[in-house]
């Protein structure tokens, strides 16, 4: 089955991308697998315009299921392999993606409180945050642009 067959519940935004917000919580590793099974990957933000699209999607649902917090959603970034060296799920440095706007909440992010916050999130209020990888969170999946070209 190709990724192009799996676009149910995804929304396309011209010039930005194709996304789905999963409102049933999953850990980072499970969310990554779910996105892959749907023909995509955990979303990676590359611009302020893309952040705005995801924030608009994030503010729509009224109900989240089995989540630690409905104020943040998992993205495809982490510093699991080397503390403080944030990268995408594809191994690219976060700072080369075009978007690395960390939240100013809690005296700045990422703060790696207690040295256990290794996964990246988009806050509903905007900006990136770090939090637990093994807690249940909402998450964004992104479909590769080459799939959308076939629609």
C-alpha atoms as a PDB file:
ATOM      1  CA  UNK A   1       0.000   0.000   0.000  1.00  0.00           C
ATOM      2  CA  UNK A   2       1.446   3.371  -0.926  1.00  0.00           C
ATOM      3  CA  UNK A   3       1.384   6.503   1.195  1.00  0.00           C
ATOM      4  CA  UNK A   4      -0.908   8.029  -1.389  1.00  0.00           C
ATOM      5  CA  UNK A   5      -3.662   5.562  -0.464  1.00  0.00           C
ATOM      6  CA  UNK A   6      -3.626   6.548   3.200  1.00  0.00           C
ATOM      7  CA  UNK A   7      -4.691  10.180   3.294  1.00  0.00           C
ATOM      8  CA  UNK A   8      -7.945   9.711   5.258  1.00  0.00           C
ATOM      9  CA  UNK A   9      -8.356  12.448   7.886  1.00  0.00           C
ATOM     10  CA  UNK A  10      -5.299  14.311   6.575  1.00  0.00           C
ATOM     11  CA  UNK A  11      -5.617  17.942   5.554  1.00  0.00           C
ATOM     12  CA  UNK A  12      -3.677  19.516   2.710  1.00  0.00           C
ATOM     13  CA  UNK A  13      -2.449  23.114   2.945  1.00  0.00           C
ATOM     14  CA  UNK A  14      -1.207  24.492  -0.378  1.00  0.00           C
ATOM     15  CA  UNK A  15       2.504  25.262  -0.307  1.00  0.00           C
ATOM     16  CA  UNK A  16       2.836  24.047   3.295  1.00  0.00           C
ATOM     17  CA  UNK A  17       2.061  20.333   3.580  1.00  0.00           C
ATOM     18  CA  UNK A  18      -0.410  17.598   4.525  1.00  0.00           C
ATOM     19  CA  UNK A  19      -1.079  16.812   8.200  1.00  0.00           C
ATOM     20  CA  UNK A  20      -3.170  14.916  10.688  1.00  0.00           C
ATOM     21  CA  UNK A  21      -3.448  15.596  14.409  1.00  0.00           C
ATOM     22  CA  UNK A  22      -3.929  12.376  16.348  1.00  0.00           C
ATOM     23  CA  UNK A  23      -5.955  13.159  19.456  1.00  0.00           C
ATOM     24  CA  UNK A  24      -5.514   9.711  21.031  1.00  0.00           C
ATOM     25  CA  UNK A  25      -2.267   9.792  22.984  1.00  0.00           C
ATOM     26  CA  UNK A  26       0.819   7.759  22.117  1.00  0.00           C
ATOM     27  CA  UNK A  27       4.453   7.663  23.190  1.00  0.00           C
ATOM     28  CA  UNK A  28       7.092   9.103  20.857  1.00  0.00           C
ATOM     29  CA  UNK A  29       8.074   5.668  19.541  1.00  0.00           C
ATOM     30  CA  UNK A  30       4.481   4.476  19.076  1.00  0.00           C
ATOM     31  CA  UNK A  31       3.483   7.771  17.412  1.00  0.00           C
ATOM     32  CA  UNK A  32       6.430   7.423  15.048  1.00  0.00           C
ATOM     33  CA  UNK A  33       5.242   3.922  14.105  1.00  0.00           C
ATOM     34  CA  UNK A  34       1.623   5.044  13.608  1.00  0.00           C
ATOM     35  CA  UNK A  35       2.695   7.837  11.257  1.00  0.00           C
ATOM     36  CA  UNK A  36       4.854   5.380   9.305  1.00  0.00           C
ATOM     37  CA  UNK A  37       1.919   2.936   9.021  1.00  0.00           C
ATOM     38  CA  UNK A  38      -0.152   5.803   7.581  1.00  0.00           C
ATOM     39  CA  UNK A  39       2.484   6.503   4.945  1.00  0.00           C
ATOM     40  CA  UNK A  40       4.006   9.524   6.649  1.00  0.00           C
ATOM     41  CA  UNK A  41       6.221  10.545   9.531  1.00  0.00           C
ATOM     42  CA  UNK A  42       6.032  12.608  12.704  1.00  0.00           C
ATOM     43  CA  UNK A  43       5.725  16.216  11.577  1.00  0.00           C
ATOM     44  CA  UNK A  44       8.804  18.421  11.342  1.00  0.00           C
ATOM     45  CA  UNK A  45       8.186  22.169  11.281  1.00  0.00           C
ATOM     46  CA  UNK A  46      10.207  24.054   8.661  1.00  0.00           C
ATOM     47  CA  UNK A  47       8.737  27.567   8.848  1.00  0.00           C
ATOM     48  CA  UNK A  48       6.555  29.976  10.806  1.00  0.00           C
ATOM     49  CA  UNK A  49       3.814  29.386   8.227  1.00  0.00           C
ATOM     50  CA  UNK A  50       3.938  25.651   8.929  1.00  0.00           C
ATOM     51  CA  UNK A  51       3.821  26.296  12.686  1.00  0.00           C
ATOM     52  CA  UNK A  52       0.681  28.405  12.139  1.00  0.00           C
ATOM     53  CA  UNK A  53      -1.011  25.597  10.177  1.00  0.00           C
ATOM     54  CA  UNK A  54      -0.280  23.072  12.936  1.00  0.00           C
ATOM     55  CA  UNK A  55      -1.435  25.486  15.641  1.00  0.00           C
ATOM     56  CA  UNK A  56      -4.714  26.012  13.770  1.00  0.00           C
ATOM     57  CA  UNK A  57      -5.223  22.230  13.593  1.00  0.00           C
ATOM     58  CA  UNK A  58      -4.281  21.871  17.256  1.00  0.00           C
ATOM     59  CA  UNK A  59      -6.938  24.326  18.413  1.00  0.00           C
ATOM     60  CA  UNK A  60      -9.836  22.541  16.622  1.00  0.00           C
ATOM     61  CA  UNK A  61     -10.428  19.294  18.553  1.00  0.00           C
ATOM     62  CA  UNK A  62     -12.532  19.438  21.657  1.00  0.00           C
ATOM     63  CA  UNK A  63     -11.651  15.989  22.934  1.00  0.00           C
ATOM     64  CA  UNK A  64      -8.293  14.340  23.502  1.00  0.00           C
ATOM     65  CA  UNK A  65      -8.105  10.720  24.675  1.00  0.00           C
ATOM     66  CA  UNK A  66      -5.485   9.120  26.922  1.00  0.00           C
ATOM     67  CA  UNK A  67      -3.085  12.079  26.920  1.00  0.00           C
ATOM     68  CA  UNK A  68      -0.742  13.458  29.569  1.00  0.00           C
ATOM     69  CA  UNK A  69      -1.577  16.994  28.410  1.00  0.00           C
ATOM     70  CA  UNK A  70      -3.672  18.508  25.643  1.00  0.00           C
ATOM     71  CA  UNK A  71      -1.435  21.596  25.614  1.00  0.00           C
ATOM     72  CA  UNK A  72       1.426  20.029  23.602  1.00  0.00           C
ATOM     73  CA  UNK A  73       1.717  17.637  20.669  1.00  0.00           C
ATOM     74  CA  UNK A  74       4.642  15.440  19.655  1.00  0.00           C
ATOM     75  CA  UNK A  75       6.761  16.349  16.654  1.00  0.00           C
ATOM     76  CA  UNK A  76       9.537  14.492  14.851  1.00  0.00           C
ATOM     77  CA  UNK A  77      12.420  16.032  16.840  1.00  0.00           C
ATOM     78  CA  UNK A  78      14.456  14.775  19.799  1.00  0.00           C
ATOM     79  CA  UNK A  79      17.800  14.840  21.592  1.00  0.00           C
ATOM     80  CA  UNK A  80      17.751  11.154  22.565  1.00  0.00           C
ATOM     81  CA  UNK A  81      21.238  10.337  21.256  1.00  0.00           C
ATOM     82  CA  UNK A  82      23.150  13.357  22.592  1.00  0.00           C
ATOM     83  CA  UNK A  83      21.840  15.712  25.266  1.00  0.00           C
ATOM     84  CA  UNK A  84      21.176  19.176  23.861  1.00  0.00           C
ATOM     85  CA  UNK A  85      21.823  18.122  20.249  1.00  0.00           C
ATOM     86  CA  UNK A  86      18.319  18.391  18.833  1.00  0.00           C
ATOM     87  CA  UNK A  87      17.716  16.585  15.567  1.00  0.00           C
ATOM     88  CA  UNK A  88      14.863  15.391  13.394  1.00  0.00           C
ATOM     89  CA  UNK A  89      13.802  11.769  13.096  1.00  0.00           C
ATOM     90  CA  UNK A  90      15.860  11.789   9.875  1.00  0.00           C
ATOM     91  CA  UNK A  91      19.072  12.823  11.673  1.00  0.00           C
ATOM     92  CA  UNK A  92      19.105  16.450  10.457  1.00  0.00           C
ATOM     93  CA  UNK A  93      20.034  19.117  13.000  1.00  0.00           C
ATOM     94  CA  UNK A  94      16.931  20.948  14.222  1.00  0.00           C
ATOM     95  CA  UNK A  95      18.711  24.216  13.512  1.00  0.00           C
ATOM     96  CA  UNK A  96      18.896  23.360   9.790  1.00  0.00           C
ATOM     97  CA  UNK A  97      15.147  22.748   9.410  1.00  0.00           C
ATOM     98  CA  UNK A  98      14.205  26.411   9.132  1.00  0.00           C
ATOM     99  CA  UNK A  99      12.290  26.417  12.431  1.00  0.00           C
ATOM    100  CA  UNK A 100      13.791  26.294  15.911  1.00  0.00           C
ATOM    101  CA  UNK A 101      11.585  28.723  17.844  1.00  0.00           C
ATOM    102  CA  UNK A 102      11.659  27.423  21.409  1.00  0.00           C
ATOM    103  CA  UNK A 103       8.969  28.575  23.819  1.00  0.00           C
ATOM    104  CA  UNK A 104       9.782  31.278  26.353  1.00  0.00           C
ATOM    105  CA  UNK A 105       7.601  29.532  28.946  1.00  0.00           C
ATOM    106  CA  UNK A 106       9.237  28.256  32.108  1.00  0.00           C
ATOM    107  CA  UNK A 107      12.333  30.483  31.725  1.00  0.00           C
ATOM    108  CA  UNK A 108      13.099  29.235  28.249  1.00  0.00           C
ATOM    109  CA  UNK A 109      13.187  25.914  26.459  1.00  0.00           C
ATOM    110  CA  UNK A 110      14.557  23.363  26.044  1.00  0.00           C
ATOM    111  CA  UNK A 111      15.259  23.006  29.753  1.00  0.00           C
ATOM    112  CA  UNK A 112      15.602  19.205  30.043  1.00  0.00           C
ATOM    113  CA  UNK A 113      14.213  19.265  33.555  1.00  0.00           C
ATOM    114  CA  UNK A 114      15.698  16.364  35.538  1.00  0.00           C
ATOM    115  CA  UNK A 115      17.575  15.227  32.379  1.00  0.00           C
ATOM    116  CA  UNK A 116      14.625  13.158  31.153  1.00  0.00           C
ATOM    117  CA  UNK A 117      12.929  15.467  28.633  1.00  0.00           C
ATOM    118  CA  UNK A 118      14.263  14.296  25.286  1.00  0.00           C
ATOM    119  CA  UNK A 119      11.393  14.630  22.824  1.00  0.00           C
ATOM    120  CA  UNK A 120      10.183  17.745  21.043  1.00  0.00           C
ATOM    121  CA  UNK A 121       6.680  19.166  21.076  1.00  0.00           C
ATOM    122  CA  UNK A 122       4.654  22.018  19.681  1.00  0.00           C
ATOM    123  CA  UNK A 123       2.887  23.940  22.428  1.00  0.00           C
ATOM    124  CA  UNK A 124      -0.718  24.951  21.782  1.00  0.00           C
ATOM    125  CA  UNK A 125       0.407  28.492  22.688  1.00  0.00           C
ATOM    126  CA  UNK A 126       3.176  28.301  20.046  1.00  0.00           C
ATOM    127  CA  UNK A 127       6.851  27.441  20.055  1.00  0.00           C
ATOM    128  CA  UNK A 128       8.737  24.260  20.815  1.00  0.00           C
ATOM    129  CA  UNK A 129       9.064  22.493  24.163  1.00  0.00           C
ATOM    130  CA  UNK A 130      10.815  19.390  25.476  1.00  0.00           C
ATOM    131  CA  UNK A 131       9.031  16.697  27.460  1.00  0.00           C
ATOM    132  CA  UNK A 132       8.935  12.982  28.197  1.00  0.00           C
ATOM    133  CA  UNK A 133       9.212  10.578  25.269  1.00  0.00           C
ATOM    134  CA  UNK A 134       7.446   7.730  27.042  1.00  0.00           C
ATOM    135  CA  UNK A 135       4.299   9.591  28.146  1.00  0.00           C
ATOM    136  CA  UNK A 136       1.080   9.575  26.097  1.00  0.00           C
ATOM    137  CA  UNK A 137       0.680  12.722  23.989  1.00  0.00           C
ATOM    138  CA  UNK A 138      -1.304  13.925  20.982  1.00  0.00           C
ATOM    139  CA  UNK A 139       0.903  13.991  17.878  1.00  0.00           C
ATOM    140  CA  UNK A 140       1.111  15.335  14.342  1.00  0.00           C
ATOM    141  CA  UNK A 141       1.792  13.155  11.321  1.00  0.00           C
ATOM    142  CA  UNK A 142       2.942  14.632   8.022  1.00  0.00           C
ATOM    143  CA  UNK A 143       2.577  13.077   4.567  1.00  0.00           C
ATOM    144  CA  UNK A 144       5.542  13.537   2.204  1.00  0.00           C
ATOM    145  CA  UNK A 145       4.966  16.122  -0.510  1.00  0.00           C
ATOM    146  CA  UNK A 146       5.560  13.612  -3.319  1.00  0.00           C
ATOM    147  CA  UNK A 147       2.405  11.717  -2.234  1.00  0.00           C
ATOM    148  CA  UNK A 148       0.254  14.817  -2.429  1.00  0.00           C
ATOM    149  CA  UNK A 149       1.356  15.370  -6.040  1.00  0.00           C
ATOM    150  CA  UNK A 150      -0.611  12.256  -7.020  1.00  0.00           C
ATOM    151  CA  UNK A 151      -3.961  13.472  -5.652  1.00  0.00           C
END
